Amino acid sequence: MVPTTQQMLDNVNIAINASMTGNAVKSYTLVDGRKLERFSLDELLSLRNKLKKEIAGTRIRTTYVKFGNVEL
């Protein structure tokens, strides 16, 4: 199942929090020699901004305008 944009944003926020509190490892090597790397904090912040913009673009926006008395 593909996560929604909001779910991805929630996960990115969790990763940012883990990174900032020292609960995340940037990279490590597995026993078989493969190396795994995580996103950097800059990459996570950039992704968060992109996801926020995407979510904001899907919301319905209504603009109200009030005109004062116009003399003709």
Foldseek 3Di string as FASTA:
>chain_A
DDDDLVVVLVVLVVVLVCVVVVNDDQKDADPVGDIDGDDDNVRSVVSNVVSVVVVVVPDDDDDDDDDDDDDD
